[in-house]
Amino acid sequence: MANQLGRSGVVKISSTTIGELRNYSLSHSSDTVEDSVIGDTYRTRRGTMKTWNVSGSVYWDPIDAGQVLCSIGSSVTVNLYPMGITATSTYYSGGGVVTKFDITASFDGMVEGSISVEGNGALSTLTV
């Protein structure tokens, strides 16, 4: 299995790349319900509703087109390319709602932003 460098990753809002991206995270999970019965020796569960979200940190840039598209409450399509964009890239795509765009700064650092998008429906795994 090949390792991948994080610096190759790309996150897009629709077809617009989010600039000044420092890091990102994709979380894809499922709720569960227990279906154990009398006589079982171990608890068993079934997957129910799935959810996903993407978050990331940027150096804040008020004119970066990708960051501008991340206005709170807006419906967006997220395309996340962990290995960058190549002729055979696997990527994740789904519609979501921007739930957070925080801006922070300190006297001895850069102005930074933190963006969160919660999935609205399925997250697809695709290949370029």
C-alpha atoms as a PDB file:
ATOM      1  CA  MET A   1       0.000   0.000   0.000  1.00  0.00           C
ATOM      2  CA  ALA A   2       1.362   3.388  -0.956  1.00  0.00           C
ATOM      3  CA  ASN A   3       1.545   6.310   1.439  1.00  0.00           C
ATOM      4  CA  GLN A   4       0.295   9.707   0.363  1.00  0.00           C
ATOM      5  CA  LEU A   5       1.628  13.152   1.160  1.00  0.00           C
ATOM      6  CA  GLY A   6      -0.960  15.495   2.644  1.00  0.00           C
ATOM      7  CA  ARG A   7       0.390  18.430   0.684  1.00  0.00           C
ATOM      8  CA  SER A   8      -1.098  16.955  -2.503  1.00  0.00           C
ATOM      9  CA  GLY A   9      -4.698  17.258  -1.277  1.00  0.00           C
ATOM     10  CA  VAL A  10      -7.229  19.608  -2.853  1.00  0.00           C
ATOM     11  CA  VAL A  11     -10.645  20.679  -1.590  1.00  0.00           C
ATOM     12  CA  LYS A  12     -13.064  22.328  -3.991  1.00  0.00           C
ATOM     13  CA  ILE A  13     -16.431  23.995  -3.585  1.00  0.00           C
ATOM     14  CA  SER A  14     -18.086  22.889  -6.826  1.00  0.00           C
ATOM     15  CA  SER A  15     -15.249  23.483  -9.303  1.00  0.00           C
ATOM     16  CA  THR A  16     -13.528  26.260  -7.299  1.00  0.00           C
ATOM     17  CA  THR A  17     -10.461  25.309  -5.261  1.00  0.00           C
ATOM     18  CA  ILE A  18     -10.299  26.615  -1.691  1.00  0.00           C
ATOM     19  CA  GLY A  19      -7.079  28.627  -1.592  1.00  0.00           C
ATOM     20  CA  GLU A  20      -4.631  28.985   1.290  1.00  0.00           C
ATOM     21  CA  LEU A  21      -5.723  25.548   2.614  1.00  0.00           C
ATOM     22  CA  ARG A  22      -3.604  24.367   5.547  1.00  0.00           C
ATOM     23  CA  ASN A  23      -5.366  21.138   6.484  1.00  0.00           C
ATOM     24  CA  TYR A  24      -8.654  19.315   6.065  1.00  0.00           C
ATOM     25  CA  SER A  25     -10.572  16.455   7.599  1.00  0.00           C
ATOM     26  CA  LEU A  26     -13.318  14.225   6.216  1.00  0.00           C
ATOM     27  CA  SER A  27     -15.457  12.317   8.710  1.00  0.00           C
ATOM     28  CA  HIS A  28     -17.928   9.721   7.448  1.00  0.00           C
ATOM     29  CA  SER A  29     -19.894   7.791  10.083  1.00  0.00           C
ATOM     30  CA  SER A  30     -23.016   5.785  10.791  1.00  0.00           C
ATOM     31  CA  ASP A  31     -25.428   5.726  13.693  1.00  0.00           C
ATOM     32  CA  THR A  32     -26.191   2.284  15.055  1.00  0.00           C
ATOM     33  CA  VAL A  33     -29.045   0.529  16.775  1.00  0.00           C
ATOM     34  CA  GLU A  34     -28.559  -2.483  18.992  1.00  0.00           C
ATOM     35  CA  ASP A  35     -30.327  -5.666  17.906  1.00  0.00           C
ATOM     36  CA  SER A  36     -29.133  -8.061  20.640  1.00  0.00           C
ATOM     37  CA  VAL A  37     -31.634 -10.591  21.933  1.00  0.00           C
ATOM     38  CA  ILE A  38     -31.960 -12.994  24.868  1.00  0.00           C
ATOM     39  CA  GLY A  39     -29.419 -15.755  24.447  1.00  0.00           C
ATOM     40  CA  ASP A  40     -26.765 -13.618  22.729  1.00  0.00           C
ATOM     41  CA  THR A  41     -23.394 -13.558  24.484  1.00  0.00           C
ATOM     42  CA  TYR A  42     -22.202 -10.436  22.688  1.00  0.00           C
ATOM     43  CA  ARG A  43     -24.049  -7.281  21.779  1.00  0.00           C
ATOM     44  CA  THR A  44     -24.800  -6.882  18.084  1.00  0.00           C
ATOM     45  CA  ARG A  45     -25.623  -3.745  16.158  1.00  0.00           C
ATOM     46  CA  ARG A  46     -26.922  -2.606  12.802  1.00  0.00           C
ATOM     47  CA  GLY A  47     -25.917   0.526  10.940  1.00  0.00           C
ATOM     48  CA  THR A  48     -28.711   3.045  10.439  1.00  0.00           C
ATOM     49  CA  MET A  49     -28.394   6.677   9.343  1.00  0.00           C
ATOM     50  CA  LYS A  50     -25.084   7.775   7.830  1.00  0.00           C
ATOM     51  CA  THR A  51     -23.594  11.235   8.020  1.00  0.00           C
ATOM     52  CA  TRP A  52     -20.474  13.063   6.876  1.00  0.00           C
ATOM     53  CA  ASN A  53     -18.740  16.389   7.307  1.00  0.00           C
ATOM     54  CA  VAL A  54     -15.671  18.168   6.025  1.00  0.00           C
ATOM     55  CA  SER A  55     -13.686  20.729   7.968  1.00  0.00           C
ATOM     56  CA  GLY A  56     -10.496  22.576   7.232  1.00  0.00           C
ATOM     57  CA  SER A  57      -8.206  25.401   8.185  1.00  0.00           C
ATOM     58  CA  VAL A  58      -7.044  28.160   5.869  1.00  0.00           C
ATOM     59  CA  TYR A  59      -4.991  31.292   5.956  1.00  0.00           C
ATOM     60  CA  TRP A  60      -7.869  33.757   5.649  1.00  0.00           C
ATOM     61  CA  ASP A  61      -8.055  35.477   2.280  1.00  0.00           C
ATOM     62  CA  PRO A  62     -11.187  37.627   1.803  1.00  0.00           C
ATOM     63  CA  ILE A  63     -10.820  37.580  -2.000  1.00  0.00           C
ATOM     64  CA  ASP A  64     -10.106  33.859  -2.455  1.00  0.00           C
ATOM     65  CA  ALA A  65     -13.006  32.582  -4.583  1.00  0.00           C
ATOM     66  CA  GLY A  66     -13.199  29.235  -2.739  1.00  0.00           C
ATOM     67  CA  GLN A  67     -13.333  30.885   0.683  1.00  0.00           C
ATOM     68  CA  VAL A  68     -15.932  33.399  -0.529  1.00  0.00           C
ATOM     69  CA  LEU A  69     -18.212  30.498  -1.545  1.00  0.00           C
ATOM     70  CA  CYS A  70     -18.131  29.234   2.059  1.00  0.00           C
ATOM     71  CA  SER A  71     -20.655  31.700   3.460  1.00  0.00           C
ATOM     72  CA  ILE A  72     -22.589  30.456   6.484  1.00  0.00           C
ATOM     73  CA  GLY A  73     -25.815  28.640   5.640  1.00  0.00           C
ATOM     74  CA  SER A  74     -25.035  28.270   1.940  1.00  0.00           C
ATOM     75  CA  SER A  75     -25.627  24.975   0.148  1.00  0.00           C
ATOM     76  CA  VAL A  76     -22.459  23.802  -1.570  1.00  0.00           C
ATOM     77  CA  THR A  77     -20.992  20.795  -3.328  1.00  0.00           C
ATOM     78  CA  VAL A  78     -17.717  19.633  -1.777  1.00  0.00           C
ATOM     79  CA  ASN A  79     -15.140  17.746  -3.856  1.00  0.00           C
ATOM     80  CA  LEU A  80     -12.218  16.443  -1.790  1.00  0.00           C
ATOM     81  CA  TYR A  81      -9.151  14.986  -3.543  1.00  0.00           C
ATOM     82  CA  PRO A  82      -6.832  13.451  -0.887  1.00  0.00           C
ATOM     83  CA  MET A  83      -4.114  12.597  -3.444  1.00  0.00           C
ATOM     84  CA  GLY A  84      -4.519  15.728  -5.538  1.00  0.00           C
ATOM     85  CA  ILE A  85      -6.005  15.803  -9.000  1.00  0.00           C
ATOM     86  CA  THR A  86      -4.495  13.311 -11.427  1.00  0.00           C
ATOM     87  CA  ALA A  87      -5.833  11.233 -14.313  1.00  0.00           C
ATOM     88  CA  THR A  88      -6.747   8.416 -11.866  1.00  0.00           C
ATOM     89  CA  SER A  89      -7.571  10.310  -8.656  1.00  0.00           C
ATOM     90  CA  THR A  90     -10.116   8.916  -6.241  1.00  0.00           C
ATOM     91  CA  TYR A  91     -12.142  11.704  -4.688  1.00  0.00           C
ATOM     92  CA  TYR A  92     -15.174  12.275  -2.481  1.00  0.00           C
ATOM     93  CA  SER A  93     -18.118  14.414  -3.499  1.00  0.00           C
ATOM     94  CA  GLY A  94     -21.360  15.464  -1.865  1.00  0.00           C
ATOM     95  CA  GLY A  95     -23.741  18.307  -1.202  1.00  0.00           C
ATOM     96  CA  GLY A  96     -23.701  20.013   2.159  1.00  0.00           C
ATOM     97  CA  VAL A  97     -24.377  23.160   4.145  1.00  0.00           C
ATOM     98  CA  VAL A  98     -21.644  25.488   5.409  1.00  0.00           C
ATOM     99  CA  THR A  99     -22.154  25.512   9.176  1.00  0.00           C
ATOM    100  CA  LYS A 100     -19.105  27.440  10.340  1.00  0.00           C
ATOM    101  CA  PHE A 101     -16.465  29.887   9.138  1.00  0.00           C
ATOM    102  CA  ASP A 102     -14.441  31.139  12.101  1.00  0.00           C
ATOM    103  CA  ILE A 103     -11.661  33.695  11.789  1.00  0.00           C
ATOM    104  CA  THR A 104      -8.899  33.891  14.392  1.00  0.00           C
ATOM    105  CA  ALA A 105      -5.672  35.817  14.780  1.00  0.00           C
ATOM    106  CA  SER A 106      -2.921  36.474  17.289  1.00  0.00           C
ATOM    107  CA  PHE A 107      -0.396  39.286  17.511  1.00  0.00           C
ATOM    108  CA  ASP A 108       2.450  36.986  16.430  1.00  0.00           C
ATOM    109  CA  GLY A 109       0.683  34.898  13.811  1.00  0.00           C
ATOM    110  CA  MET A 110      -1.348  34.836  10.641  1.00  0.00           C
ATOM    111  CA  VAL A 111      -5.081  35.512  10.304  1.00  0.00           C
ATOM    112  CA  GLU A 112      -6.594  32.053   9.984  1.00  0.00           C
ATOM    113  CA  GLY A 113      -9.991  30.615   9.167  1.00  0.00           C
ATOM    114  CA  SER A 114     -11.771  27.396  10.099  1.00  0.00           C
ATOM    115  CA  ILE A 115     -14.507  26.088   7.792  1.00  0.00           C
ATOM    116  CA  SER A 116     -17.052  23.302   8.421  1.00  0.00           C
ATOM    117  CA  VAL A 117     -19.532  21.732   6.009  1.00  0.00           C
ATOM    118  CA  GLU A 118     -22.147  19.203   7.135  1.00  0.00           C
ATOM    119  CA  GLY A 119     -23.296  16.685   4.551  1.00  0.00           C
ATOM    120  CA  ASN A 120     -26.800  16.875   3.145  1.00  0.00           C
ATOM    121  CA  GLY A 121     -27.352  13.436   1.634  1.00  0.00           C
ATOM    122  CA  ALA A 122     -24.938  10.829   0.372  1.00  0.00           C
ATOM    123  CA  LEU A 123     -21.185  11.187   0.030  1.00  0.00           C
ATOM    124  CA  SER A 124     -19.963   9.576  -3.193  1.00  0.00           C
ATOM    125  CA  THR A 125     -16.579   8.014  -3.824  1.00  0.00           C
ATOM    126  CA  LEU A 126     -15.593   8.717  -7.432  1.00  0.00           C
ATOM    127  CA  THR A 127     -12.633   8.483  -9.797  1.00  0.00           C
ATOM    128  CA  VAL A 128     -11.549  11.259 -12.145  1.00  0.00           C
END
